[in-house]
């Protein structure tokens, strides 16, 4: 599995794709939003890619909250569930939280069957809107401070 990383110039977003010889198996986009990171996953979180997702999260900057957006996850297996549980524990030890966003019915069913739904939090729409509003306000304050000091 070969990682391919790209970063948007002057941006707080970077993209990591994990490739096999045929195609992209998992694409991860990491975006800093205020005191949180939103990590969008696209593809399969399965044996072979799940561990790579764990490395991306572990290598991300410290923050209070990591939101895993699973809207474009097409498949998840036991390795993927194991990584979610492991990340939850790791971030809890660091004093951070892991929340899931846009959990598809098939993934939600797996979480219920394994009882991980009792451990992993799902982010609600109002929570993500509040997060975006905080990030927007922080960016506006930073721009204003830069304008005043210039």
N, C-alpha and C. Protein backbone atom coordinates (compact mmCIF):
# COMPACT_ATOMS: atom_id res chain seq x y z
N UNK A 1 0.85 -1.17 0.00
CA UNK A 1 0.00 0.00 0.00
C UNK A 1 0.90 1.23 0.00
N UNK A 2 0.79 2.07 -1.01
CA UNK A 2 1.63 3.25 -1.15
C UNK A 2 0.84 4.50 -0.83
N UNK A 3 1.29 5.31 0.14
CA UNK A 3 0.56 6.55 0.41
C UNK A 3 0.96 7.63 -0.58
N UNK A 4 0.01 8.44 -0.94
CA UNK A 4 0.24 9.60 -1.80
C UNK A 4 -0.35 10.79 -1.07
N UNK A 5 0.46 11.84 -0.84
CA UNK A 5 -0.03 12.97 -0.05
C UNK A 5 0.04 14.24 -0.89
N UNK A 6 -0.99 15.06 -0.77
CA UNK A 6 -0.97 16.37 -1.41
C UNK A 6 -1.56 17.38 -0.44
N UNK A 7 -1.13 18.63 -0.60
CA UNK A 7 -1.61 19.68 0.30
C UNK A 7 -2.01 20.87 -0.56
N UNK A 8 -3.16 21.45 -0.25
CA UNK A 8 -3.59 22.65 -0.95
C UNK A 8 -2.73 23.81 -0.46
N UNK A 9 -2.17 24.58 -1.39
CA UNK A 9 -1.26 25.67 -1.04
C UNK A 9 -1.94 26.67 -0.11
N UNK A 10 -1.23 27.02 0.98
CA UNK A 10 -1.73 28.01 1.93
C UNK A 10 -3.02 27.58 2.61
N UNK A 11 -3.24 26.30 2.72
CA UNK A 11 -4.49 25.80 3.24
C UNK A 11 -4.27 25.01 4.52
N UNK A 12 -5.35 24.74 5.22
CA UNK A 12 -5.29 23.90 6.40
C UNK A 12 -5.84 22.51 6.09
N UNK A 13 -5.73 22.11 4.81
CA UNK A 13 -6.26 20.84 4.36
C UNK A 13 -5.15 20.03 3.71
N UNK A 14 -5.06 18.75 4.05
CA UNK A 14 -4.19 17.88 3.27
C UNK A 14 -4.91 16.56 3.01
N UNK A 15 -4.50 15.92 1.92
CA UNK A 15 -5.17 14.72 1.44
C UNK A 15 -4.15 13.60 1.37
N UNK A 16 -4.51 12.44 1.89
CA UNK A 16 -3.66 11.26 1.82
C UNK A 16 -4.47 10.16 1.13
N UNK A 17 -3.90 9.56 0.08
CA UNK A 17 -4.55 8.45 -0.60
C UNK A 17 -3.70 7.20 -0.42
N UNK A 18 -4.33 6.09 -0.10
CA UNK A 18 -3.63 4.83 0.04
C UNK A 18 -3.98 3.98 -1.17
N UNK A 19 -2.97 3.66 -1.96
CA UNK A 19 -3.16 3.01 -3.24
C UNK A 19 -2.69 1.57 -3.21
N UNK A 20 -3.39 0.73 -3.94
CA UNK A 20 -2.82 -0.57 -4.26
C UNK A 20 -2.49 -0.52 -5.75
N UNK A 21 -2.11 -1.62 -6.35
CA UNK A 21 -1.69 -1.59 -7.75
C UNK A 21 -2.85 -1.29 -8.70
N UNK A 22 -4.08 -1.39 -8.23
CA UNK A 22 -5.23 -1.22 -9.11
C UNK A 22 -5.88 0.16 -8.99
N UNK A 23 -6.10 0.64 -7.79
CA UNK A 23 -6.82 1.90 -7.62
C UNK A 23 -6.68 2.43 -6.20
N UNK A 24 -7.31 3.55 -5.94
CA UNK A 24 -7.31 4.14 -4.60
C UNK A 24 -8.28 3.34 -3.74
N UNK A 25 -7.77 2.84 -2.62
CA UNK A 25 -8.63 2.08 -1.71
C UNK A 25 -9.23 2.98 -0.63
N UNK A 26 -8.44 3.96 -0.16
CA UNK A 26 -8.91 4.87 0.88
C UNK A 26 -8.27 6.23 0.65
N UNK A 27 -9.11 7.22 0.65
CA UNK A 27 -8.64 8.60 0.53
C UNK A 27 -9.06 9.32 1.80
N UNK A 28 -8.11 9.98 2.45
CA UNK A 28 -8.36 10.67 3.71
C UNK A 28 -8.03 12.14 3.53
N UNK A 29 -8.98 13.00 3.83
CA UNK A 29 -8.78 14.44 3.77
C UNK A 29 -8.84 14.97 5.20
N UNK A 30 -7.80 15.67 5.61
CA UNK A 30 -7.72 16.19 6.96
C UNK A 30 -7.84 17.71 6.90
N UNK A 31 -8.78 18.26 7.65
CA UNK A 31 -8.99 19.70 7.67
C UNK A 31 -9.05 20.18 9.11
N UNK A 32 -8.25 21.20 9.39
CA UNK A 32 -8.25 21.83 10.70
C UNK A 32 -9.38 22.85 10.74
N UNK A 33 -10.24 22.74 11.74
CA UNK A 33 -11.37 23.65 11.90
C UNK A 33 -11.38 24.10 13.35
N UNK A 34 -10.78 25.25 13.60
CA UNK A 34 -10.71 25.75 14.97
C UNK A 34 -9.92 24.80 15.85
N UNK A 35 -10.52 24.35 16.94
CA UNK A 35 -9.86 23.45 17.88
C UNK A 35 -10.15 21.98 17.56
N UNK A 36 -10.54 21.71 16.32
CA UNK A 36 -10.89 20.35 15.92
C UNK A 36 -10.28 20.00 14.58
N UNK A 37 -10.22 18.72 14.31
CA UNK A 37 -9.83 18.21 13.00
C UNK A 37 -11.01 17.43 12.44
N UNK A 38 -11.31 17.70 11.18
CA UNK A 38 -12.32 16.90 10.50
C UNK A 38 -11.56 16.02 9.52
N UNK A 39 -11.73 14.72 9.65
CA UNK A 39 -11.05 13.76 8.79
C UNK A 39 -12.12 13.06 7.97
N UNK A 40 -12.11 13.37 6.66
CA UNK A 40 -13.09 12.77 5.75
C UNK A 40 -12.48 11.52 5.13
N UNK A 41 -13.21 10.43 5.21
CA UNK A 41 -12.74 9.17 4.65
C UNK A 41 -13.58 8.81 3.44
N UNK A 42 -12.90 8.38 2.38
CA UNK A 42 -13.59 7.99 1.15
C UNK A 42 -13.02 6.65 0.70
N UNK A 43 -13.87 5.65 0.60
CA UNK A 43 -13.42 4.34 0.16
C UNK A 43 -13.67 3.28 1.21
N UNK A 44 -12.72 2.37 1.35
CA UNK A 44 -12.89 1.22 2.24
C UNK A 44 -11.96 1.32 3.45
N UNK A 45 -12.54 1.16 4.63
CA UNK A 45 -11.74 1.07 5.85
C UNK A 45 -11.74 -0.40 6.24
N UNK A 46 -10.76 -1.10 5.68
CA UNK A 46 -10.67 -2.54 5.83
C UNK A 46 -9.22 -2.91 6.15
N UNK A 47 -8.97 -4.20 6.40
CA UNK A 47 -7.60 -4.65 6.63
C UNK A 47 -6.73 -4.14 5.49
N UNK A 48 -5.64 -3.50 5.83
CA UNK A 48 -4.75 -2.94 4.82
C UNK A 48 -4.87 -1.44 4.69
N UNK A 49 -6.04 -0.89 4.96
CA UNK A 49 -6.19 0.57 4.94
C UNK A 49 -6.51 1.11 6.33
N UNK A 50 -7.14 0.29 7.16
CA UNK A 50 -7.54 0.74 8.49
C UNK A 50 -6.34 1.20 9.30
N UNK A 51 -5.25 0.45 9.20
CA UNK A 51 -4.04 0.80 9.95
C UNK A 51 -3.48 2.14 9.46
N UNK A 52 -3.62 2.40 8.17
CA UNK A 52 -3.13 3.65 7.61
C UNK A 52 -3.94 4.84 8.15
N UNK A 53 -5.25 4.64 8.29
CA UNK A 53 -6.09 5.68 8.89
C UNK A 53 -5.62 5.97 10.31
N UNK A 54 -5.27 4.93 11.04
CA UNK A 54 -4.78 5.10 12.41
C UNK A 54 -3.50 5.94 12.41
N UNK A 55 -2.60 5.69 11.47
CA UNK A 55 -1.35 6.46 11.39
C UNK A 55 -1.63 7.94 11.08
N UNK A 56 -2.60 8.19 10.21
CA UNK A 56 -2.95 9.58 9.87
C UNK A 56 -3.46 10.30 11.11
N UNK A 57 -4.35 9.66 11.85
CA UNK A 57 -4.91 10.28 13.05
C UNK A 57 -3.82 10.48 14.10
N UNK A 58 -2.99 9.47 14.31
CA UNK A 58 -1.94 9.58 15.31
C UNK A 58 -0.93 10.66 14.95
N UNK A 59 -0.70 10.87 13.66
CA UNK A 59 0.26 11.89 13.22
C UNK A 59 -0.33 13.27 13.07
N UNK A 60 -1.61 13.42 13.33
CA UNK A 60 -2.26 14.72 13.20
C UNK A 60 -1.91 15.61 14.38
N UNK A 61 -2.00 16.92 14.19
CA UNK A 61 -1.70 17.84 15.29
C UNK A 61 -2.66 17.63 16.47
N UNK A 62 -2.19 17.97 17.65
CA UNK A 62 -3.02 17.85 18.85
C UNK A 62 -4.22 18.78 18.74
N UNK A 63 -5.35 18.28 19.19
CA UNK A 63 -6.57 19.09 19.21
C UNK A 63 -7.52 18.48 20.22
N UNK A 64 -8.61 19.17 20.49
CA UNK A 64 -9.58 18.70 21.48
C UNK A 64 -10.55 17.67 20.92
N UNK A 65 -10.79 17.75 19.60
CA UNK A 65 -11.82 16.92 18.99
C UNK A 65 -11.37 16.48 17.60
N UNK A 66 -11.55 15.20 17.31
CA UNK A 66 -11.36 14.70 15.95
C UNK A 66 -12.69 14.12 15.50
N UNK A 67 -13.17 14.62 14.38
CA UNK A 67 -14.42 14.15 13.79
C UNK A 67 -14.08 13.32 12.56
N UNK A 68 -14.49 12.06 12.56
CA UNK A 68 -14.31 11.20 11.40
C UNK A 68 -15.59 11.24 10.59
N UNK A 69 -15.52 11.82 9.39
CA UNK A 69 -16.68 11.88 8.50
C UNK A 69 -16.67 10.62 7.64
N UNK A 70 -17.66 9.78 7.84
CA UNK A 70 -17.71 8.48 7.17
C UNK A 70 -18.73 8.45 6.04
N UNK A 71 -19.15 9.61 5.56
CA UNK A 71 -20.19 9.68 4.54
C UNK A 71 -19.85 8.90 3.28
N UNK A 72 -18.57 8.88 2.91
CA UNK A 72 -18.18 8.22 1.66
C UNK A 72 -17.44 6.90 1.89
N UNK A 73 -17.64 6.32 3.06
CA UNK A 73 -17.05 5.00 3.33
C UNK A 73 -17.96 3.95 2.71
N UNK A 74 -17.40 3.17 1.81
CA UNK A 74 -18.19 2.17 1.09
C UNK A 74 -18.16 0.81 1.75
N UNK A 75 -17.16 0.59 2.61
CA UNK A 75 -17.04 -0.72 3.25
C UNK A 75 -16.19 -0.61 4.51
N UNK A 76 -16.56 -1.38 5.54
CA UNK A 76 -15.78 -1.43 6.76
C UNK A 76 -15.82 -2.87 7.27
N UNK A 77 -14.66 -3.37 7.71
CA UNK A 77 -14.62 -4.72 8.26
C UNK A 77 -14.15 -4.66 9.71
N UNK A 78 -13.82 -5.82 10.26
CA UNK A 78 -13.41 -5.91 11.67
C UNK A 78 -12.16 -5.07 11.93
N UNK A 79 -11.23 -5.01 10.96
CA UNK A 79 -10.03 -4.19 11.14
C UNK A 79 -10.40 -2.71 11.27
N UNK A 80 -11.36 -2.27 10.49
CA UNK A 80 -11.83 -0.88 10.57
C UNK A 80 -12.47 -0.58 11.91
N UNK A 81 -13.30 -1.50 12.38
CA UNK A 81 -13.93 -1.32 13.69
C UNK A 81 -12.88 -1.31 14.79
N UNK A 82 -11.88 -2.18 14.66
CA UNK A 82 -10.80 -2.21 15.65
C UNK A 82 -10.04 -0.92 15.71
N UNK A 83 -9.79 -0.32 14.55
CA UNK A 83 -9.07 0.96 14.51
C UNK A 83 -9.92 2.07 15.14
N UNK A 84 -11.22 2.08 14.89
CA UNK A 84 -12.08 3.08 15.52
C UNK A 84 -12.02 2.96 17.05
N UNK A 85 -12.09 1.72 17.55
CA UNK A 85 -12.03 1.51 19.00
C UNK A 85 -10.66 1.92 19.54
N UNK A 86 -9.61 1.58 18.83
CA UNK A 86 -8.25 1.94 19.25
C UNK A 86 -8.05 3.45 19.27
N UNK A 87 -8.53 4.13 18.24
CA UNK A 87 -8.41 5.59 18.18
C UNK A 87 -9.18 6.25 19.31
N UNK A 88 -10.35 5.71 19.62
CA UNK A 88 -11.13 6.25 20.73
C UNK A 88 -10.31 6.21 22.02
N UNK A 89 -9.71 5.06 22.30
CA UNK A 89 -8.90 4.92 23.51
C UNK A 89 -7.68 5.81 23.50
N UNK A 90 -6.98 5.87 22.38
CA UNK A 90 -5.78 6.69 22.26
C UNK A 90 -6.10 8.17 22.49
N UNK A 91 -7.15 8.66 21.84
CA UNK A 91 -7.51 10.07 21.98
C UNK A 91 -8.01 10.38 23.38
N UNK A 92 -8.72 9.45 23.98
CA UNK A 92 -9.19 9.65 25.35
C UNK A 92 -8.01 9.81 26.29
N UNK A 93 -6.96 9.00 26.10
CA UNK A 93 -5.74 9.12 26.92
C UNK A 93 -5.09 10.48 26.75
N UNK A 94 -5.20 11.07 25.56
CA UNK A 94 -4.62 12.38 25.28
C UNK A 94 -5.52 13.53 25.72
N UNK A 95 -6.71 13.21 26.23
CA UNK A 95 -7.64 14.25 26.64
C UNK A 95 -8.45 14.82 25.48
N UNK A 96 -8.47 14.09 24.37
CA UNK A 96 -9.24 14.51 23.20
C UNK A 96 -10.43 13.57 23.02
N UNK A 97 -11.33 13.96 22.13
CA UNK A 97 -12.50 13.12 21.86
C UNK A 97 -12.53 12.74 20.39
N UNK A 98 -13.10 11.58 20.11
CA UNK A 98 -13.34 11.12 18.75
C UNK A 98 -14.84 11.05 18.56
N UNK A 99 -15.31 11.66 17.48
CA UNK A 99 -16.73 11.58 17.15
C UNK A 99 -16.86 11.15 15.70
N UNK A 100 -17.90 10.41 15.41
CA UNK A 100 -18.19 9.95 14.07
C UNK A 100 -19.29 10.82 13.48
N UNK A 101 -19.19 11.08 12.19
CA UNK A 101 -20.17 11.91 11.49
C UNK A 101 -20.61 11.17 10.24
N UNK A 102 -21.87 11.32 9.88
CA UNK A 102 -22.42 10.73 8.65
C UNK A 102 -22.19 9.22 8.60
N UNK A 103 -22.60 8.54 9.64
CA UNK A 103 -22.42 7.09 9.71
C UNK A 103 -23.51 6.42 8.87
N UNK A 104 -23.07 5.66 7.87
CA UNK A 104 -24.01 4.96 6.99
C UNK A 104 -24.72 3.85 7.76
N UNK A 105 -25.89 3.46 7.29
CA UNK A 105 -26.69 2.43 7.97
C UNK A 105 -25.90 1.14 8.17
N UNK A 106 -25.14 0.71 7.16
CA UNK A 106 -24.41 -0.56 7.28
C UNK A 106 -23.32 -0.46 8.34
N UNK A 107 -22.68 0.70 8.47
CA UNK A 107 -21.65 0.88 9.50
C UNK A 107 -22.32 0.99 10.86
N UNK A 108 -23.42 1.70 10.93
CA UNK A 108 -24.16 1.82 12.19
C UNK A 108 -24.61 0.45 12.69
N UNK A 109 -25.03 -0.40 11.77
CA UNK A 109 -25.43 -1.76 12.13
C UNK A 109 -24.25 -2.54 12.71
N UNK A 110 -23.06 -2.40 12.10
CA UNK A 110 -21.86 -3.05 12.63
C UNK A 110 -21.53 -2.55 14.03
N UNK A 111 -21.67 -1.24 14.24
CA UNK A 111 -21.40 -0.66 15.55
C UNK A 111 -22.36 -1.23 16.60
N UNK A 112 -23.63 -1.39 16.23
CA UNK A 112 -24.61 -1.97 17.16
C UNK A 112 -24.31 -3.44 17.45
N UNK A 113 -24.00 -4.21 16.40
CA UNK A 113 -23.72 -5.64 16.57
C UNK A 113 -22.52 -5.88 17.48
N UNK A 114 -21.52 -5.03 17.37
CA UNK A 114 -20.32 -5.18 18.18
C UNK A 114 -20.39 -4.38 19.48
N UNK A 115 -21.48 -3.67 19.66
CA UNK A 115 -21.73 -2.83 20.84
C UNK A 115 -20.74 -1.66 20.96
N UNK A 116 -20.10 -1.34 19.87
CA UNK A 116 -19.22 -0.16 19.87
C UNK A 116 -20.04 1.12 19.88
N UNK A 117 -21.32 1.03 19.56
CA UNK A 117 -22.17 2.22 19.61
C UNK A 117 -22.29 2.76 21.03
N UNK A 118 -22.00 1.92 22.03
CA UNK A 118 -22.03 2.37 23.42
C UNK A 118 -20.75 3.12 23.79
N UNK A 119 -19.71 2.99 22.96
CA UNK A 119 -18.41 3.60 23.24
C UNK A 119 -18.15 4.80 22.34
N UNK A 120 -18.44 4.65 21.06
CA UNK A 120 -18.15 5.70 20.08
C UNK A 120 -19.31 6.67 19.96
N UNK A 121 -18.99 7.96 19.97
CA UNK A 121 -20.01 9.00 19.86
C UNK A 121 -20.25 9.35 18.41
N UNK A 122 -21.49 9.64 18.09
CA UNK A 122 -21.85 10.12 16.76
C UNK A 122 -22.14 11.61 16.89
N UNK A 123 -21.54 12.39 16.01
CA UNK A 123 -21.68 13.84 16.02
C UNK A 123 -23.02 14.22 15.38
N UNK A 124 -23.77 15.08 16.03
CA UNK A 124 -25.05 15.51 15.48
C UNK A 124 -24.85 16.71 14.55
N UNK A 125 -25.83 16.99 13.75
CA UNK A 125 -25.77 18.12 12.83
C UNK A 125 -25.61 19.44 13.59
N UNK A 126 -26.37 19.69 14.68
CA UNK A 126 -26.15 20.94 15.43
C UNK A 126 -24.72 21.07 15.96
N UNK A 127 -24.11 19.95 16.38
CA UNK A 127 -22.74 20.01 16.88
C UNK A 127 -21.77 20.42 15.77
N UNK A 128 -21.92 19.87 14.59
CA UNK A 128 -21.00 20.20 13.50
C UNK A 128 -21.22 21.64 13.05
N UNK A 129 -22.45 22.12 13.08
CA UNK A 129 -22.72 23.52 12.73
C UNK A 129 -22.07 24.44 13.76
N UNK A 130 -22.18 24.11 15.03
CA UNK A 130 -21.55 24.92 16.08
C UNK A 130 -20.04 24.93 15.91
N UNK A 131 -19.46 23.79 15.55
CA UNK A 131 -18.02 23.70 15.31
C UNK A 131 -17.61 24.63 14.17
N UNK A 132 -18.36 24.59 13.08
CA UNK A 132 -18.06 25.45 11.93
C UNK A 132 -18.21 26.93 12.30
N UNK A 133 -19.20 27.27 13.09
CA UNK A 133 -19.40 28.67 13.52
C UNK A 133 -18.23 29.14 14.38
N UNK A 134 -17.77 28.29 15.31
CA UNK A 134 -16.62 28.64 16.14
C UNK A 134 -15.38 28.86 15.28
N UNK A 135 -15.18 27.99 14.31
CA UNK A 135 -14.01 28.11 13.44
C UNK A 135 -14.09 29.39 12.61
N UNK A 136 -15.28 29.71 12.12
CA UNK A 136 -15.46 30.93 11.33
C UNK A 136 -15.19 32.17 12.18
N UNK A 137 -15.70 32.17 13.41
CA UNK A 137 -15.48 33.31 14.30
C UNK A 137 -14.00 33.46 14.65
N UNK A 138 -13.31 32.34 14.88
CA UNK A 138 -11.88 32.39 15.20
C UNK A 138 -11.08 32.93 14.01
N UNK A 139 -11.43 32.50 12.80
CA UNK A 139 -10.74 32.98 11.60
C UNK A 139 -10.98 34.47 11.39
N UNK A 140 -12.20 34.93 11.64
CA UNK A 140 -12.52 36.35 11.50
C UNK A 140 -11.74 37.18 12.51
N UNK A 141 -11.65 36.70 13.74
CA UNK A 141 -10.89 37.41 14.78
C UNK A 141 -9.41 37.47 14.42
N UNK A 142 -8.89 36.39 13.86
CA UNK A 142 -7.48 36.36 13.46
C UNK A 142 -7.22 37.35 12.32
N UNK A 143 -8.14 37.41 11.35
CA UNK A 143 -7.99 38.37 10.24
C UNK A 143 -8.04 39.80 10.76
N UNK A 144 -8.93 40.07 11.70
CA UNK A 144 -9.06 41.40 12.26
C UNK A 144 -7.80 41.78 13.02
N UNK A 145 -7.26 40.85 13.79
CA UNK A 145 -6.04 41.13 14.54
C UNK A 145 -4.86 41.40 13.59
N UNK A 146 -4.81 40.67 12.49
CA UNK A 146 -3.74 40.88 11.51
C UNK A 146 -3.89 42.24 10.83
N UNK A 147 -5.12 42.66 10.56
CA UNK A 147 -5.36 43.96 9.93
C UNK A 147 -4.98 45.11 10.87
N UNK A 148 -5.24 44.93 12.15
CA UNK A 148 -4.93 45.98 13.12
C UNK A 148 -3.42 46.12 13.29
N UNK A 149 -2.72 44.99 13.32
CA UNK A 149 -1.27 45.04 13.52
C UNK A 149 -0.51 45.47 12.28
N UNK A 150 -1.16 45.46 11.12
CA UNK A 150 -0.47 45.82 9.86
C UNK A 150 -0.39 47.28 9.63
